Amino acid sequence: MLIRYKKTFEKIAMGLLSFMPDEKDVKKLQQTIKEYEVNPDWQLFLWKEEDILGAIGVRIDNEHSAIVQHITVNPSHRNLGIGKKMVNAVKDVYKDQYLVLSNEDTKAFFEKV
């Protein structure tokens, strides 16, 4: 199930986002989380089954597009379709407002979905 990020999930979200290649640096990771907290055009969602297993971050680009800029799954739960479920859930959230697209970092994954 897709849930919206809240400050109480900060450590979990940072841990998940740290698996993204561009988010290895702690300062960069802290800036990214801060941006999700303060920028209304950035939305972070977490994927919860029994535990929180993944995160997907979306940036509203314009009045027509929502760009998936982060997508990550706990390594011990990869290749189980969680990433695909997150992408489809985000598309469902935004279906009446935006076309959900990938950026360069998420393009390869999107092509598999």
PDB file of N, CA and C in Angstrom:
ATOM      1  N   MET A   1       0.849  -1.169   0.000  1.00  0.00           N
ATOM      2  CA  MET A   1       0.000   0.000   0.000  1.00  0.00           C
ATOM      3  C   MET A   1       0.900   1.239   0.000  1.00  0.00           C
ATOM      4  N   LEU A   2       0.507   2.202  -0.798  1.00  0.00           N
ATOM      5  CA  LEU A   2       1.243   3.460  -0.913  1.00  0.00           C
ATOM      6  C   LEU A   2       0.800   4.414   0.198  1.00  0.00           C
ATOM      7  N   ILE A   3       1.759   4.955   0.940  1.00  0.00           N
ATOM      8  CA  ILE A   3       1.442   5.929   1.987  1.00  0.00           C
ATOM      9  C   ILE A   3       2.308   7.164   1.785  1.00  0.00           C
ATOM     10  N   ARG A   4       1.779   8.312   2.152  1.00  0.00           N
ATOM     11  CA  ARG A   4       2.545   9.564   2.029  1.00  0.00           C
ATOM     12  C   ARG A   4       3.596   9.646   3.122  1.00  0.00           C
ATOM     13  N   TYR A   5       4.727  10.181   2.735  1.00  0.00           N
ATOM     14  CA  TYR A   5       5.820  10.403   3.689  1.00  0.00           C
ATOM     15  C   TYR A   5       5.396  11.400   4.748  1.00  0.00           C
ATOM     16  N   LYS A   6       5.797  11.109   5.995  1.00  0.00           N
ATOM     17  CA  LYS A   6       5.666  12.056   7.103  1.00  0.00           C
ATOM     18  C   LYS A   6       7.011  12.075   7.820  1.00  0.00           C
ATOM     19  N   LYS A   7       7.232  13.117   8.570  1.00  0.00           N
ATOM     20  CA  LYS A   7       8.496  13.316   9.292  1.00  0.00           C
ATOM     21  C   LYS A   7       8.843  12.110  10.165  1.00  0.00           C
ATOM     22  N   THR A   8       7.849  11.427  10.703  1.00  0.00           N
ATOM     23  CA  THR A   8       8.118  10.266  11.567  1.00  0.00           C
ATOM     24  C   THR A   8       8.786   9.123  10.797  1.00  0.00           C
ATOM     25  N   PHE A   9       8.695   9.140   9.467  1.00  0.00           N
ATOM     26  CA  PHE A   9       9.321   8.104   8.640  1.00  0.00           C
ATOM     27  C   PHE A   9      10.685   8.537   8.099  1.00  0.00           C
ATOM     28  N   GLU A  10      11.229   9.641   8.619  1.00  0.00           N
ATOM     29  CA  GLU A  10      12.443  10.224   8.043  1.00  0.00           C
ATOM     30  C   GLU A  10      13.605   9.231   7.965  1.00  0.00           C
ATOM     31  N   LYS A  11      13.905   8.525   9.041  1.00  0.00           N
ATOM     32  CA  LYS A  11      15.045   7.608   9.039  1.00  0.00           C
ATOM     33  C   LYS A  11      14.835   6.456   8.064  1.00  0.00           C
ATOM     34  N   ILE A  12      13.635   5.929   8.015  1.00  0.00           N
ATOM     35  CA  ILE A  12      13.332   4.846   7.073  1.00  0.00           C
ATOM     36  C   ILE A  12      13.473   5.346   5.646  1.00  0.00           C
ATOM     37  N   ALA A  13      12.911   6.522   5.377  1.00  0.00           N
ATOM     38  CA  ALA A  13      12.980   7.093   4.023  1.00  0.00           C
ATOM     39  C   ALA A  13      14.425   7.377   3.625  1.00  0.00           C
ATOM     40  N   MET A  14      15.205   7.917   4.532  1.00  0.00           N
ATOM     41  CA  MET A  14      16.613   8.188   4.227  1.00  0.00           C
ATOM     42  C   MET A  14      17.363   6.893   3.955  1.00  0.00           C
ATOM     43  N   GLY A  15      17.082   5.869   4.722  1.00  0.00           N
ATOM     44  CA  GLY A  15      17.720   4.571   4.495  1.00  0.00           C
ATOM     45  C   GLY A  15      17.389   4.015   3.122  1.00  0.00           C
ATOM     46  N   LEU A  16      16.130   4.104   2.737  1.00  0.00           N
ATOM     47  CA  LEU A  16      15.716   3.606   1.423  1.00  0.00           C
ATOM     48  C   LEU A  16      16.317   4.444   0.298  1.00  0.00           C
ATOM     49  N   LEU A  17      16.249   5.767   0.436  1.00  0.00           N
ATOM     50  CA  LEU A  17      16.794   6.635  -0.610  1.00  0.00           C
ATOM     51  C   LEU A  17      18.310   6.492  -0.743  1.00  0.00           C
ATOM     52  N   SER A  18      18.974   6.075   0.322  1.00  0.00           N
ATOM     53  CA  SER A  18      20.436   5.923   0.252  1.00  0.00           C
ATOM     54  C   SER A  18      20.841   4.812  -0.711  1.00  0.00           C
ATOM     55  N   PHE A  19      19.920   3.959  -1.115  1.00  0.00           N
ATOM     56  CA  PHE A  19      20.215   2.929  -2.105  1.00  0.00           C
ATOM     57  C   PHE A  19      20.267   3.489  -3.526  1.00  0.00           C
ATOM     58  N   MET A  20      19.771   4.726  -3.704  1.00  0.00           N
ATOM     59  CA  MET A  20      19.833   5.372  -5.021  1.00  0.00           C
ATOM     60  C   MET A  20      21.280   5.821  -5.268  1.00  0.00           C
ATOM     61  N   PRO A  21      21.800   5.600  -6.468  1.00  0.00           N
ATOM     62  CA  PRO A  21      23.204   5.945  -6.740  1.00  0.00           C
ATOM     63  C   PRO A  21      23.570   7.401  -6.447  1.00  0.00           C
ATOM     64  N   ASP A  22      22.688   8.344  -6.730  1.00  0.00           N
ATOM     65  CA  ASP A  22      23.003   9.762  -6.522  1.00  0.00           C
ATOM     66  C   ASP A  22      22.741  10.236  -5.095  1.00  0.00           C
ATOM     67  N   GLU A  23      22.295   9.357  -4.235  1.00  0.00           N
ATOM     68  CA  GLU A  23      21.937   9.759  -2.872  1.00  0.00           C
ATOM     69  C   GLU A  23      22.843   9.118  -1.817  1.00  0.00           C
ATOM     70  N   LYS A  24      24.036   8.732  -2.188  1.00  0.00           N
ATOM     71  CA  LYS A  24      24.958   8.082  -1.243  1.00  0.00           C
ATOM     72  C   LYS A  24      25.526   9.056  -0.213  1.00  0.00           C
ATOM     73  N   ASP A  25      25.777  10.287  -0.625  1.00  0.00           N
ATOM     74  CA  ASP A  25      26.339  11.299   0.260  1.00  0.00           C
ATOM     75  C   ASP A  25      25.288  11.741   1.283  1.00  0.00           C
ATOM     76  N   VAL A  26      25.660  11.742   2.560  1.00  0.00           N
ATOM     77  CA  VAL A  26      24.707  12.063   3.635  1.00  0.00           C
ATOM     78  C   VAL A  26      24.140  13.477   3.481  1.00  0.00           C
ATOM     79  N   LYS A  27      24.981  14.444   3.168  1.00  0.00           N
ATOM     80  CA  LYS A  27      24.490  15.824   3.012  1.00  0.00           C
ATOM     81  C   LYS A  27      23.491  15.919   1.864  1.00  0.00           C
ATOM     82  N   LYS A  28      23.773  15.258   0.752  1.00  0.00           N
ATOM     83  CA  LYS A  28      22.862  15.257  -0.392  1.00  0.00           C
ATOM     84  C   LYS A  28      21.536  14.595  -0.003  1.00  0.00           C
ATOM     85  N   LEU A  29      21.628  13.496   0.716  1.00  0.00           N
ATOM     86  CA  LEU A  29      20.448  12.773   1.169  1.00  0.00           C
ATOM     87  C   LEU A  29      19.596  13.638   2.104  1.00  0.00           C
ATOM     88  N   GLN A  30      20.238  14.355   3.011  1.00  0.00           N
ATOM     89  CA  GLN A  30      19.509  15.248   3.916  1.00  0.00           C
ATOM     90  C   GLN A  30      18.821  16.368   3.146  1.00  0.00           C
ATOM     91  N   GLN A  31      19.492  16.906   2.124  1.00  0.00           N
ATOM     92  CA  GLN A  31      18.891  17.957   1.294  1.00  0.00           C
ATOM     93  C   GLN A  31      17.678  17.422   0.544  1.00  0.00           C
ATOM     94  N   THR A  32      17.793  16.195   0.046  1.00  0.00           N
ATOM     95  CA  THR A  32      16.675  15.590  -0.694  1.00  0.00           C
ATOM     96  C   THR A  32      15.462  15.415   0.218  1.00  0.00           C
ATOM     97  N   ILE A  33      15.676  14.869   1.398  1.00  0.00           N
ATOM     98  CA  ILE A  33      14.569  14.674   2.353  1.00  0.00           C
ATOM     99  C   ILE A  33      13.958  16.026   2.716  1.00  0.00           C
ATOM    100  N   LYS A  34      14.788  17.023   2.969  1.00  0.00           N
ATOM    101  CA  LYS A  34      14.297  18.370   3.304  1.00  0.00           C
ATOM    102  C   LYS A  34      13.426  18.918   2.170  1.00  0.00           C
ATOM    103  N   GLU A  35      13.865  18.711   0.932  1.00  0.00           N
ATOM    104  CA  GLU A  35      13.096  19.186  -0.223  1.00  0.00           C
ATOM    105  C   GLU A  35      11.716  18.517  -0.262  1.00  0.00           C
ATOM    106  N   TYR A  36      11.667  17.218   0.027  1.00  0.00           N
ATOM    107  CA  TYR A  36      10.376  16.527   0.077  1.00  0.00           C
ATOM    108  C   TYR A  36       9.492  17.074   1.201  1.00  0.00           C
ATOM    109  N   GLU A  37      10.094  17.537   2.267  1.00  0.00           N
ATOM    110  CA  GLU A  37       9.318  18.056   3.395  1.00  0.00           C
ATOM    111  C   GLU A  37       8.793  19.467   3.151  1.00  0.00           C
ATOM    112  N   VAL A  38       9.541  20.306   2.432  1.00  0.00           N
ATOM    113  CA  VAL A  38       9.153  21.716   2.319  1.00  0.00           C
ATOM    114  C   VAL A  38       8.613  22.132   0.952  1.00  0.00           C
ATOM    115  N   ASN A  39       8.943  21.408  -0.097  1.00  0.00           N
ATOM    116  CA  ASN A  39       8.518  21.795  -1.441  1.00  0.00           C
ATOM    117  C   ASN A  39       7.199  21.113  -1.795  1.00  0.00           C
ATOM    118  N   PRO A  40       6.133  21.864  -2.015  1.00  0.00           N
ATOM    119  CA  PRO A  40       4.839  21.249  -2.315  1.00  0.00           C
ATOM    120  C   PRO A  40       4.812  20.517  -3.662  1.00  0.00           C
ATOM    121  N   ASP A  41       5.784  20.787  -4.531  1.00  0.00           N
ATOM    122  CA  ASP A  41       5.843  20.093  -5.816  1.00  0.00           C
ATOM    123  C   ASP A  41       6.603  18.771  -5.745  1.00  0.00           C
ATOM    124  N   TRP A  42       7.184  18.485  -4.600  1.00  0.00           N
ATOM    125  CA  TRP A  42       7.883  17.214  -4.403  1.00  0.00           C
ATOM    126  C   TRP A  42       7.053  16.360  -3.438  1.00  0.00           C
ATOM    127  N   GLN A  43       6.698  15.160  -3.850  1.00  0.00           N
ATOM    128  CA  GLN A  43       5.923  14.249  -3.008  1.00  0.00           C
ATOM    129  C   GLN A  43       6.670  12.926  -2.871  1.00  0.00           C
ATOM    130  N   LEU A  44       6.849  12.480  -1.649  1.00  0.00           N
ATOM    131  CA  LEU A  44       7.497  11.198  -1.392  1.00  0.00           C
ATOM    132  C   LEU A  44       6.453  10.240  -0.835  1.00  0.00           C
ATOM    133  N   PHE A  45       6.431   9.055  -1.394  1.00  0.00           N
ATOM    134  CA  PHE A  45       5.523   8.008  -0.945  1.00  0.00           C
ATOM    135  C   PHE A  45       6.353   6.807  -0.505  1.00  0.00           C
ATOM    136  N   LEU A  46       5.838   6.080   0.460  1.00  0.00           N
ATOM    137  CA  LEU A  46       6.483   4.858   0.926  1.00  0.00           C
ATOM    138  C   LEU A  46       5.564   3.690   0.613  1.00  0.00           C
ATOM    139  N   TRP A  47       6.163   2.533   0.372  1.00  0.00           N
ATOM    140  CA  TRP A  47       5.377   1.328   0.090  1.00  0.00           C
ATOM    141  C   TRP A  47       5.416   0.447   1.332  1.00  0.00           C
ATOM    142  N   LYS A  48       4.219   0.179   1.870  1.00  0.00           N
ATOM    143  CA  LYS A  48       4.132  -0.609   3.099  1.00  0.00           C
ATOM    144  C   LYS A  48       3.340  -1.875   2.845  1.00  0.00           C
ATOM    145  N   GLU A  49       3.931  -2.981   3.224  1.00  0.00           N
ATOM    146  CA  GLU A  49       3.206  -4.249   3.277  1.00  0.00           C
ATOM    147  C   GLU A  49       3.144  -4.564   4.771  1.00  0.00           C
ATOM    148  N   GLU A  50       3.927  -5.508   5.253  1.00  0.00           N
ATOM    149  CA  GLU A  50       4.020  -5.651   6.708  1.00  0.00           C
ATOM    150  C   GLU A  50       4.959  -4.585   7.266  1.00  0.00           C
ATOM    151  N   ASP A  51       6.005  -4.316   6.524  1.00  0.00           N
ATOM    152  CA  ASP A  51       6.964  -3.264   6.860  1.00  0.00           C
ATOM    153  C   ASP A  51       7.038  -2.296   5.684  1.00  0.00           C
ATOM    154  N   ILE A  52       7.749  -1.201   5.870  1.00  0.00           N
ATOM    155  CA  ILE A  52       7.988  -0.280   4.760  1.00  0.00           C
ATOM    156  C   ILE A  52       9.127  -0.862   3.939  1.00  0.00           C
ATOM    157  N   LEU A  53       8.842  -1.144   2.664  1.00  0.00           N
ATOM    158  CA  LEU A  53       9.789  -1.855   1.813  1.00  0.00           C
ATOM    159  C   LEU A  53      10.376  -1.007   0.695  1.00  0.00           C
ATOM    160  N   GLY A  54       9.750   0.137   0.393  1.00  0.00           N
ATOM    161  CA  GLY A  54      10.228   0.933  -0.723  1.00  0.00           C
ATOM    162  C   GLY A  54       9.800   2.376  -0.613  1.00  0.00           C
ATOM    163  N   ALA A  55      10.375   3.185  -1.507  1.00  0.00           N
ATOM    164  CA  ALA A  55      10.027   4.606  -1.568  1.00  0.00           C
ATOM    165  C   ALA A  55      10.008   5.035  -3.028  1.00  0.00           C
ATOM    166  N   ILE A  56       9.112   5.964  -3.331  1.00  0.00           N
ATOM    167  CA  ILE A  56       9.021   6.524  -4.671  1.00  0.00           C
ATOM    168  C   ILE A  56       8.768   8.024  -4.530  1.00  0.00           C
ATOM    169  N   GLY A  57       9.593   8.799  -5.194  1.00  0.00           N
ATOM    170  CA  GLY A  57       9.510  10.251  -5.101  1.00  0.00           C
ATOM    171  C   GLY A  57       9.102  10.861  -6.428  1.00  0.00           C
ATOM    172  N   VAL A  58       8.171  11.798  -6.360  1.00  0.00           N
ATOM    173  CA  VAL A  58       7.601  12.426  -7.553  1.00  0.00           C
ATOM    174  C   VAL A  58       7.771  13.938  -7.449  1.00  0.00           C
ATOM    175  N   ARG A  59       8.129  14.543  -8.571  1.00  0.00           N
ATOM    176  CA  ARG A  59       8.222  16.005  -8.661  1.00  0.00           C
ATOM    177  C   ARG A  59       7.218  16.461  -9.702  1.00  0.00           C
ATOM    178  N   ILE A  60       6.310  17.360  -9.304  1.00  0.00           N
ATOM    179  CA  ILE A  60       5.358  17.935 -10.251  1.00  0.00           C
ATOM    180  C   ILE A  60       6.141  18.904 -11.126  1.00  0.00           C
ATOM    181  N   ASP A  61       6.199  18.618 -12.407  1.00  0.00           N
ATOM    182  CA  ASP A  61       7.044  19.369 -13.327  1.00  0.00           C
ATOM    183  C   ASP A  61       6.317  20.567 -13.920  1.00  0.00           C
ATOM    184  N   ASN A  62       5.075  20.383 -14.285  1.00  0.00           N
ATOM    185  CA  ASN A  62       4.248  21.456 -14.851  1.00  0.00           C
ATOM    186  C   ASN A  62       2.798  21.034 -14.690  1.00  0.00           C
ATOM    187  N   GLU A  63       1.891  21.727 -15.338  1.00  0.00           N
ATOM    188  CA  GLU A  63       0.480  21.386 -15.143  1.00  0.00           C
ATOM    189  C   GLU A  63       0.083  20.070 -15.799  1.00  0.00           C
ATOM    190  N   HIS A  64       1.027  19.441 -16.542  1.00  0.00           N
ATOM    191  CA  HIS A  64       0.700  18.199 -17.245  1.00  0.00           C
ATOM    192  C   HIS A  64       1.507  16.985 -16.795  1.00  0.00           C
ATOM    193  N   SER A  65       2.659  17.202 -16.149  1.00  0.00           N
ATOM    194  CA  SER A  65       3.574  16.093 -15.889  1.00  0.00           C
ATOM    195  C   SER A  65       3.983  15.965 -14.433  1.00  0.00           C
ATOM    196  N   ALA A  66       4.070  14.715 -14.001  1.00  0.00           N
ATOM    197  CA  ALA A  66       4.651  14.360 -12.708  1.00  0.00           C
ATOM    198  C   ALA A  66       5.825  13.429 -13.020  1.00  0.00           C
ATOM    199  N   ILE A  67       7.000  13.788 -12.555  1.00  0.00           N
ATOM    200  CA  ILE A  67       8.213  13.046 -12.874  1.00  0.00           C
ATOM    201  C   ILE A  67       8.628  12.177 -11.684  1.00  0.00           C
ATOM    202  N   VAL A  68       8.740  10.872 -11.899  1.00  0.00           N
ATOM    203  CA  VAL A  68       9.267   9.981 -10.867  1.00  0.00           C
ATOM    204  C   VAL A  68      10.780  10.163 -10.868  1.00  0.00           C
ATOM    205  N   GLN A  69      11.292  10.740  -9.778  1.00  0.00           N
ATOM    206  CA  GLN A  69      12.718  11.037  -9.713  1.00  0.00           C
ATOM    207  C   GLN A  69      13.483  10.105  -8.780  1.00  0.00           C
ATOM    208  N   HIS A  70      12.785   9.412  -7.921  1.00  0.00           N
ATOM    209  CA  HIS A  70      13.411   8.426  -7.044  1.00  0.00           C
ATOM    210  C   HIS A  70      12.514   7.190  -7.007  1.00  0.00           C
ATOM    211  N   ILE A  71      13.117   6.045  -7.086  1.00  0.00           N
ATOM    212  CA  ILE A  71      12.395   4.794  -6.849  1.00  0.00           C
ATOM    213  C   ILE A  71      13.394   3.798  -6.283  1.00  0.00           C
ATOM    214  N   THR A  72      13.067   3.261  -5.131  1.00  0.00           N
ATOM    215  CA  THR A  72      13.997   2.370  -4.446  1.00  0.00           C
ATOM    216  C   THR A  72      13.231   1.335  -3.621  1.00  0.00           C
ATOM    217  N   VAL A  73      13.795   0.145  -3.572  1.00  0.00           N
ATOM    218  CA  VAL A  73      13.213  -0.952  -2.804  1.00  0.00           C
ATOM    219  C   VAL A  73      14.321  -1.539  -1.937  1.00  0.00           C
ATOM    220  N   ASN A  74      13.971  -1.907  -0.730  1.00  0.00           N
ATOM    221  CA  ASN A  74      14.908  -2.576   0.166  1.00  0.00           C
ATOM    222  C   ASN A  74      15.543  -3.745  -0.596  1.00  0.00           C
ATOM    223  N   PRO A  75      16.883  -3.839  -0.607  1.00  0.00           N
ATOM    224  CA  PRO A  75      17.543  -4.887  -1.403  1.00  0.00           C
ATOM    225  C   PRO A  75      17.069  -6.304  -1.109  1.00  0.00           C
ATOM    226  N   SER A  76      16.676  -6.587   0.113  1.00  0.00           N
ATOM    227  CA  SER A  76      16.229  -7.946   0.433  1.00  0.00           C
ATOM    228  C   SER A  76      14.815  -8.238  -0.081  1.00  0.00           C
ATOM    229  N   HIS A  77      14.160  -7.226  -0.649  1.00  0.00           N
ATOM    230  CA  HIS A  77      12.810  -7.422  -1.196  1.00  0.00           C
ATOM    231  C   HIS A  77      12.731  -7.081  -2.687  1.00  0.00           C
ATOM    232  N   ARG A  78      13.869  -7.019  -3.339  1.00  0.00           N
ATOM    233  CA  ARG A  78      13.888  -6.689  -4.761  1.00  0.00           C
ATOM    234  C   ARG A  78      13.479  -7.897  -5.596  1.00  0.00           C
ATOM    235  N   ASN A  79      13.083  -7.620  -6.833  1.00  0.00           N
ATOM    236  CA  ASN A  79      12.652  -8.643  -7.799  1.00  0.00           C
ATOM    237  C   ASN A  79      11.385  -9.374  -7.367  1.00  0.00           C
ATOM    238  N   LEU A  80      10.559  -8.685  -6.590  1.00  0.00           N
ATOM    239  CA  LEU A  80       9.272  -9.241  -6.158  1.00  0.00           C
ATOM    240  C   LEU A  80       8.099  -8.429  -6.711  1.00  0.00           C
ATOM    241  N   GLY A  81       8.394  -7.456  -7.565  1.00  0.00           N
ATOM    242  CA  GLY A  81       7.344  -6.644  -8.170  1.00  0.00           C
ATOM    243  C   GLY A  81       6.938  -5.425  -7.365  1.00  0.00           C
ATOM    244  N   ILE A  82       7.668  -5.111  -6.304  1.00  0.00           N
ATOM    245  CA  ILE A  82       7.313  -3.972  -5.449  1.00  0.00           C
ATOM    246  C   ILE A  82       7.492  -2.655  -6.200  1.00  0.00           C
ATOM    247  N   GLY A  83       8.581  -2.508  -6.926  1.00  0.00           N
ATOM    248  CA  GLY A  83       8.808  -1.290  -7.697  1.00  0.00           C
ATOM    249  C   GLY A  83       7.696  -1.063  -8.706  1.00  0.00           C
ATOM    250  N   LYS A  84       7.312  -2.112  -9.386  1.00  0.00           N
ATOM    251  CA  LYS A  84       6.213  -2.026 -10.366  1.00  0.00           C
ATOM    252  C   LYS A  84       4.906  -1.621  -9.673  1.00  0.00           C
ATOM    253  N   LYS A  85       4.642  -2.207  -8.510  1.00  0.00           N
ATOM    254  CA  LYS A  85       3.434  -1.844  -7.756  1.00  0.00           C
ATOM    255  C   LYS A  85       3.457  -0.368  -7.370  1.00  0.00           C
ATOM    256  N   MET A  86       4.640   0.130  -6.954  1.00  0.00           N
ATOM    257  CA  MET A  86       4.748   1.536  -6.568  1.00  0.00           C
ATOM    258  C   MET A  86       4.490   2.452  -7.761  1.00  0.00           C
ATOM    259  N   VAL A  87       5.081   2.138  -8.913  1.00  0.00           N
ATOM    260  CA  VAL A  87       4.869   2.955 -10.110  1.00  0.00           C
ATOM    261  C   VAL A  87       3.393   2.969 -10.484  1.00  0.00           C
ATOM    262  N   ASN A  88       2.767   1.807 -10.485  1.00  0.00           N
ATOM    263  CA  ASN A  88       1.345   1.739 -10.837  1.00  0.00           C
ATOM    264  C   ASN A  88       0.472   2.480  -9.830  1.00  0.00           C
ATOM    265  N   ALA A  89       0.822   2.407  -8.549  1.00  0.00           N
ATOM    266  CA  ALA A  89       0.061   3.120  -7.520  1.00  0.00           C
ATOM    267  C   ALA A  89       0.203   4.632  -7.684  1.00  0.00           C
ATOM    268  N   VAL A  90       1.406   5.103  -8.016  1.00  0.00           N
ATOM    269  CA  VAL A  90       1.610   6.535  -8.237  1.00  0.00           C
ATOM    270  C   VAL A  90       0.840   6.989  -9.473  1.00  0.00           C
ATOM    271  N   LYS A  91       0.871   6.190 -10.519  1.00  0.00           N
ATOM    272  CA  LYS A  91       0.095   6.523 -11.721  1.00  0.00           C
ATOM    273  C   LYS A  91      -1.388   6.636 -11.372  1.00  0.00           C
ATOM    274  N   ASP A  92      -1.850   5.752 -10.501  1.00  0.00           N
ATOM    275  CA  ASP A  92      -3.250   5.791 -10.078  1.00  0.00           C
ATOM    276  C   ASP A  92      -3.555   7.050  -9.267  1.00  0.00           C
ATOM    277  N   VAL A  93      -2.641   7.451  -8.380  1.00  0.00           N
ATOM    278  CA  VAL A  93      -2.821   8.655  -7.562  1.00  0.00           C
ATOM    279  C   VAL A  93      -2.975   9.891  -8.454  1.00  0.00           C
ATOM    280  N   TYR A  94      -2.151   9.963  -9.492  1.00  0.00           N
ATOM    281  CA  TYR A  94      -2.100  11.167 -10.319  1.00  0.00           C
ATOM    282  C   TYR A  94      -2.887  11.059 -11.630  1.00  0.00           C
ATOM    283  N   LYS A  95      -3.596   9.965 -11.853  1.00  0.00           N
ATOM    284  CA  LYS A  95      -4.212   9.704 -13.158  1.00  0.00           C
ATOM    285  C   LYS A  95      -5.139  10.804 -13.657  1.00  0.00           C
ATOM    286  N   ASP A  96      -5.813  11.497 -12.782  1.00  0.00           N
ATOM    287  CA  ASP A  96      -6.752  12.541 -13.214  1.00  0.00           C
ATOM    288  C   ASP A  96      -6.090  13.902 -13.378  1.00  0.00           C
ATOM    289  N   GLN A  97      -4.825  14.030 -12.971  1.00  0.00           N
ATOM    290  CA  GLN A  97      -4.158  15.332 -13.000  1.00  0.00           C
ATOM    291  C   GLN A  97      -2.938  15.398 -13.906  1.00  0.00           C
ATOM    292  N   TYR A  98      -2.118  14.330 -13.874  1.00  0.00           N
ATOM    293  CA  TYR A  98      -0.809  14.399 -14.522  1.00  0.00           C
ATOM    294  C   TYR A  98      -0.482  13.124 -15.287  1.00  0.00           C
ATOM    295  N   LEU A  99       0.357  13.296 -16.282  1.00  0.00           N
ATOM    296  CA  LEU A  99       0.985  12.167 -16.943  1.00  0.00           C
ATOM    297  C   LEU A  99       2.234  11.848 -16.129  1.00  0.00           C
ATOM    298  N   VAL A 100       2.367  10.620 -15.665  1.00  0.00           N
ATOM    299  CA  VAL A 100       3.506  10.232 -14.838  1.00  0.00           C
ATOM    300  C   VAL A 100       4.627   9.749 -15.755  1.00  0.00           C
ATOM    301  N   LEU A 101       5.785  10.402 -15.645  1.00  0.00           N
ATOM    302  CA  LEU A 101       6.933  10.120 -16.497  1.00  0.00           C
ATOM    303  C   LEU A 101       8.158   9.806 -15.644  1.00  0.00           C
ATOM    304  N   SER A 102       9.215   9.334 -16.290  1.00  0.00           N
ATOM    305  CA  SER A 102      10.474   9.066 -15.596  1.00  0.00           C
ATOM    306  C   SER A 102      11.460  10.186 -15.878  1.00  0.00           C
ATOM    307  N   ASN A 103      12.528  10.215 -15.103  1.00  0.00           N
ATOM    308  CA  ASN A 103      13.666  11.080 -15.428  1.00  0.00           C
ATOM    309  C   ASN A 103      14.817  10.159 -15.833  1.00  0.00           C
ATOM    310  N   GLU A 104      15.995  10.710 -16.023  1.00  0.00           N
ATOM    311  CA  GLU A 104      17.139   9.884 -16.453  1.00  0.00           C
ATOM    312  C   GLU A 104      17.478   8.798 -15.430  1.00  0.00           C
ATOM    313  N   ASP A 105      17.323   9.109 -14.140  1.00  0.00           N
ATOM    314  CA  ASP A 105      17.668   8.134 -13.103  1.00  0.00           C
ATOM    315  C   ASP A 105      16.673   6.978 -13.013  1.00  0.00           C
ATOM    316  N   THR A 106      15.435   7.216 -13.385  1.00  0.00           N
ATOM    317  CA  THR A 106      14.408   6.178 -13.252  1.00  0.00           C
ATOM    318  C   THR A 106      13.972   5.596 -14.593  1.00  0.00           C
ATOM    319  N   LYS A 107      14.520   6.118 -15.681  1.00  0.00           N
ATOM    320  CA  LYS A 107      14.106   5.711 -17.036  1.00  0.00           C
ATOM    321  C   LYS A 107      14.290   4.202 -17.267  1.00  0.00           C
ATOM    322  N   ALA A 108      15.440   3.675 -16.916  1.00  0.00           N
ATOM    323  CA  ALA A 108      15.719   2.246 -17.151  1.00  0.00           C
ATOM    324  C   ALA A 108      14.698   1.380 -16.440  1.00  0.00           C
ATOM    325  N   PHE A 109      14.348   1.739 -15.204  1.00  0.00           N
ATOM    326  CA  PHE A 109      13.346   0.954 -14.472  1.00  0.00           C
ATOM    327  C   PHE A 109      11.979   1.086 -15.141  1.00  0.00           C
ATOM    328  N   PHE A 110      11.591   2.286 -15.530  1.00  0.00           N
ATOM    329  CA  PHE A 110      10.291   2.526 -16.174  1.00  0.00           C
ATOM    330  C   PHE A 110      10.142   1.678 -17.430  1.00  0.00           C
ATOM    331  N   GLU A 111      11.229   1.515 -18.176  1.00  0.00           N
ATOM    332  CA  GLU A 111      11.168   0.750 -19.416  1.00  0.00           C
ATOM    333  C   GLU A 111      10.860  -0.721 -19.160  1.00  0.00           C
ATOM    334  N   LYS A 112      11.161  -1.209 -17.943  1.00  0.00           N
ATOM    335  CA  LYS A 112      10.863  -2.600 -17.578  1.00  0.00           C
ATOM    336  C   LYS A 112       9.420  -2.786 -17.115  1.00  0.00           C
ATOM    337  N   VAL A 113       8.807  -1.708 -16.608  1.00  0.00           N
ATOM    338  CA  VAL A 113       7.462  -1.816 -16.016  1.00  0.00           C
ATOM    339  C   VAL A 113       6.413  -2.008 -17.088  1.00  0.00           C
TER     340      VAL A 113
END
